[in-house]
């Protein structure tokens, strides 16, 4: 019997990050999201890049390799709501279960 947290994204973490993004509609820095949500920067970065990518705008300077140089301002795209994000996550889960 497997113990611990179920596989896949933690809905509580997604909600914490989403709450911060809603509080700052004009954008917020990655480290601010981490500080306000009380999640590690690496966790916030992971969730933003894996579950929020289609729903956020990243403002900042990118290097040729695609990494952000210096600060990266993150904000939700217009007309995005929590239902969109959770539907996307469920879709990703379904695709992963089919292809696994």
C-alpha atoms as a PDB file:
ATOM      1  CA  UNK A   1       0.000   0.000   0.000  1.00  0.00           C
ATOM      2  CA  UNK A   2       1.406   3.355  -1.043  1.00  0.00           C
ATOM      3  CA  UNK A   3       1.722   6.025   1.617  1.00  0.00           C
ATOM      4  CA  UNK A   4       2.031   9.781   1.437  1.00  0.00           C
ATOM      5  CA  UNK A   5       0.560  12.362  -0.875  1.00  0.00           C
ATOM      6  CA  UNK A   6      -1.190  11.173  -4.058  1.00  0.00           C
ATOM      7  CA  UNK A   7       0.696  11.557  -7.331  1.00  0.00           C
ATOM      8  CA  UNK A   8       0.127  14.634  -9.442  1.00  0.00           C
ATOM      9  CA  UNK A   9      -0.264  18.299  -8.600  1.00  0.00           C
ATOM     10  CA  UNK A  10      -1.201  19.416  -5.109  1.00  0.00           C
ATOM     11  CA  UNK A  11      -4.458  21.346  -5.463  1.00  0.00           C
ATOM     12  CA  UNK A  12      -3.745  23.334  -2.278  1.00  0.00           C
ATOM     13  CA  UNK A  13      -0.458  24.601  -3.737  1.00  0.00           C
ATOM     14  CA  UNK A  14      -2.159  25.534  -6.983  1.00  0.00           C
ATOM     15  CA  UNK A  15      -4.813  27.447  -5.053  1.00  0.00           C
ATOM     16  CA  UNK A  16      -2.184  29.281  -2.973  1.00  0.00           C
ATOM     17  CA  UNK A  17      -0.319  30.393  -6.105  1.00  0.00           C
ATOM     18  CA  UNK A  18      -3.567  31.334  -7.829  1.00  0.00           C
ATOM     19  CA  UNK A  19      -4.665  33.423  -4.831  1.00  0.00           C
ATOM     20  CA  UNK A  20      -1.427  35.431  -5.024  1.00  0.00           C
ATOM     21  CA  UNK A  21      -1.800  35.960  -8.777  1.00  0.00           C
ATOM     22  CA  UNK A  22      -5.370  37.203  -8.225  1.00  0.00           C
ATOM     23  CA  UNK A  23      -4.118  39.644  -5.566  1.00  0.00           C
ATOM     24  CA  UNK A  24      -1.661  41.177  -8.052  1.00  0.00           C
ATOM     25  CA  UNK A  25      -3.458  41.531 -11.409  1.00  0.00           C
ATOM     26  CA  UNK A  26      -0.725  43.798 -12.788  1.00  0.00           C
ATOM     27  CA  UNK A  27       1.972  41.229 -12.032  1.00  0.00           C
ATOM     28  CA  UNK A  28       4.149  39.891  -9.241  1.00  0.00           C
ATOM     29  CA  UNK A  29       7.702  38.595  -8.953  1.00  0.00           C
ATOM     30  CA  UNK A  30       8.397  34.887  -8.563  1.00  0.00           C
ATOM     31  CA  UNK A  31       9.989  35.399  -5.132  1.00  0.00           C
ATOM     32  CA  UNK A  32       6.994  37.435  -3.975  1.00  0.00           C
ATOM     33  CA  UNK A  33       4.666  34.593  -4.924  1.00  0.00           C
ATOM     34  CA  UNK A  34       6.908  32.270  -2.929  1.00  0.00           C
ATOM     35  CA  UNK A  35       7.005  34.552   0.096  1.00  0.00           C
ATOM     36  CA  UNK A  36       3.275  35.283   0.180  1.00  0.00           C
ATOM     37  CA  UNK A  37       2.202  31.685  -0.464  1.00  0.00           C
ATOM     38  CA  UNK A  38       4.865  30.318   1.917  1.00  0.00           C
ATOM     39  CA  UNK A  39       5.963  27.826  -0.746  1.00  0.00           C
ATOM     40  CA  UNK A  40       9.598  27.294  -1.796  1.00  0.00           C
ATOM     41  CA  UNK A  41      10.699  29.237  -4.881  1.00  0.00           C
ATOM     42  CA  UNK A  42      11.479  25.965  -6.678  1.00  0.00           C
ATOM     43  CA  UNK A  43       7.954  24.687  -6.028  1.00  0.00           C
ATOM     44  CA  UNK A  44       6.374  27.896  -7.310  1.00  0.00           C
ATOM     45  CA  UNK A  45       8.596  27.786 -10.390  1.00  0.00           C
ATOM     46  CA  UNK A  46       7.672  24.132 -11.032  1.00  0.00           C
ATOM     47  CA  UNK A  47       3.943  24.750 -10.721  1.00  0.00           C
ATOM     48  CA  UNK A  48       4.050  27.872 -12.889  1.00  0.00           C
ATOM     49  CA  UNK A  49       5.965  26.112 -15.652  1.00  0.00           C
ATOM     50  CA  UNK A  50       3.973  22.859 -15.544  1.00  0.00           C
ATOM     51  CA  UNK A  51       0.407  23.861 -14.693  1.00  0.00           C
ATOM     52  CA  UNK A  52       0.020  27.620 -15.217  1.00  0.00           C
ATOM     53  CA  UNK A  53       2.014  28.166 -18.422  1.00  0.00           C
ATOM     54  CA  UNK A  54      -0.938  28.663 -20.812  1.00  0.00           C
ATOM     55  CA  UNK A  55      -2.621  31.042 -18.362  1.00  0.00           C
ATOM     56  CA  UNK A  56       0.178  33.418 -17.368  1.00  0.00           C
ATOM     57  CA  UNK A  57       2.205  36.155 -19.012  1.00  0.00           C
ATOM     58  CA  UNK A  58       5.902  36.338 -18.213  1.00  0.00           C
ATOM     59  CA  UNK A  59       7.454  39.753 -18.560  1.00  0.00           C
ATOM     60  CA  UNK A  60      11.219  39.983 -18.484  1.00  0.00           C
ATOM     61  CA  UNK A  61      14.377  39.553 -20.519  1.00  0.00           C
ATOM     62  CA  UNK A  62      15.126  36.055 -21.797  1.00  0.00           C
ATOM     63  CA  UNK A  63      18.560  34.774 -22.758  1.00  0.00           C
ATOM     64  CA  UNK A  64      19.143  32.838 -25.979  1.00  0.00           C
ATOM     65  CA  UNK A  65      18.677  29.605 -24.019  1.00  0.00           C
ATOM     66  CA  UNK A  66      15.191  30.724 -22.922  1.00  0.00           C
ATOM     67  CA  UNK A  67      16.020  31.427 -19.277  1.00  0.00           C
ATOM     68  CA  UNK A  68      14.951  34.662 -17.646  1.00  0.00           C
ATOM     69  CA  UNK A  69      17.773  37.015 -16.834  1.00  0.00           C
ATOM     70  CA  UNK A  70      17.189  38.964 -13.649  1.00  0.00           C
ATOM     71  CA  UNK A  71      13.597  39.508 -12.643  1.00  0.00           C
ATOM     72  CA  UNK A  72      10.534  37.887 -14.151  1.00  0.00           C
ATOM     73  CA  UNK A  73       7.153  39.523 -13.656  1.00  0.00           C
ATOM     74  CA  UNK A  74       4.272  37.037 -13.729  1.00  0.00           C
ATOM     75  CA  UNK A  75       0.604  37.829 -14.193  1.00  0.00           C
ATOM     76  CA  UNK A  76      -2.543  35.975 -15.149  1.00  0.00           C
ATOM     77  CA  UNK A  77      -3.770  36.499 -18.677  1.00  0.00           C
ATOM     78  CA  UNK A  78      -7.057  38.312 -19.065  1.00  0.00           C
ATOM     79  CA  UNK A  79     -10.262  36.387 -18.506  1.00  0.00           C
ATOM     80  CA  UNK A  80      -8.558  33.428 -16.786  1.00  0.00           C
ATOM     81  CA  UNK A  81     -10.344  31.842 -13.855  1.00  0.00           C
ATOM     82  CA  UNK A  82      -9.628  28.957 -11.527  1.00  0.00           C
ATOM     83  CA  UNK A  83     -11.974  26.627 -13.414  1.00  0.00           C
ATOM     84  CA  UNK A  84      -9.850  27.022 -16.571  1.00  0.00           C
ATOM     85  CA  UNK A  85      -6.687  26.058 -14.725  1.00  0.00           C
ATOM     86  CA  UNK A  86      -8.234  23.065 -12.966  1.00  0.00           C
ATOM     87  CA  UNK A  87      -9.800  21.837 -16.229  1.00  0.00           C
ATOM     88  CA  UNK A  88      -6.369  22.059 -17.873  1.00  0.00           C
ATOM     89  CA  UNK A  89      -4.765  20.085 -15.043  1.00  0.00           C
ATOM     90  CA  UNK A  90      -7.442  17.394 -15.291  1.00  0.00           C
ATOM     91  CA  UNK A  91      -6.905  17.204 -19.031  1.00  0.00           C
ATOM     92  CA  UNK A  92      -3.148  16.789 -18.537  1.00  0.00           C
ATOM     93  CA  UNK A  93      -3.837  14.034 -15.980  1.00  0.00           C
ATOM     94  CA  UNK A  94      -6.139  12.221 -18.390  1.00  0.00           C
ATOM     95  CA  UNK A  95      -3.627  12.394 -21.215  1.00  0.00           C
ATOM     96  CA  UNK A  96      -0.846  11.170 -18.956  1.00  0.00           C
ATOM     97  CA  UNK A  97      -2.919   8.204 -17.759  1.00  0.00           C
ATOM     98  CA  UNK A  98      -3.754   7.237 -21.351  1.00  0.00           C
ATOM     99  CA  UNK A  99      -0.162   7.467 -22.539  1.00  0.00           C
ATOM    100  CA  UNK A 100       1.378   5.739 -19.494  1.00  0.00           C
END
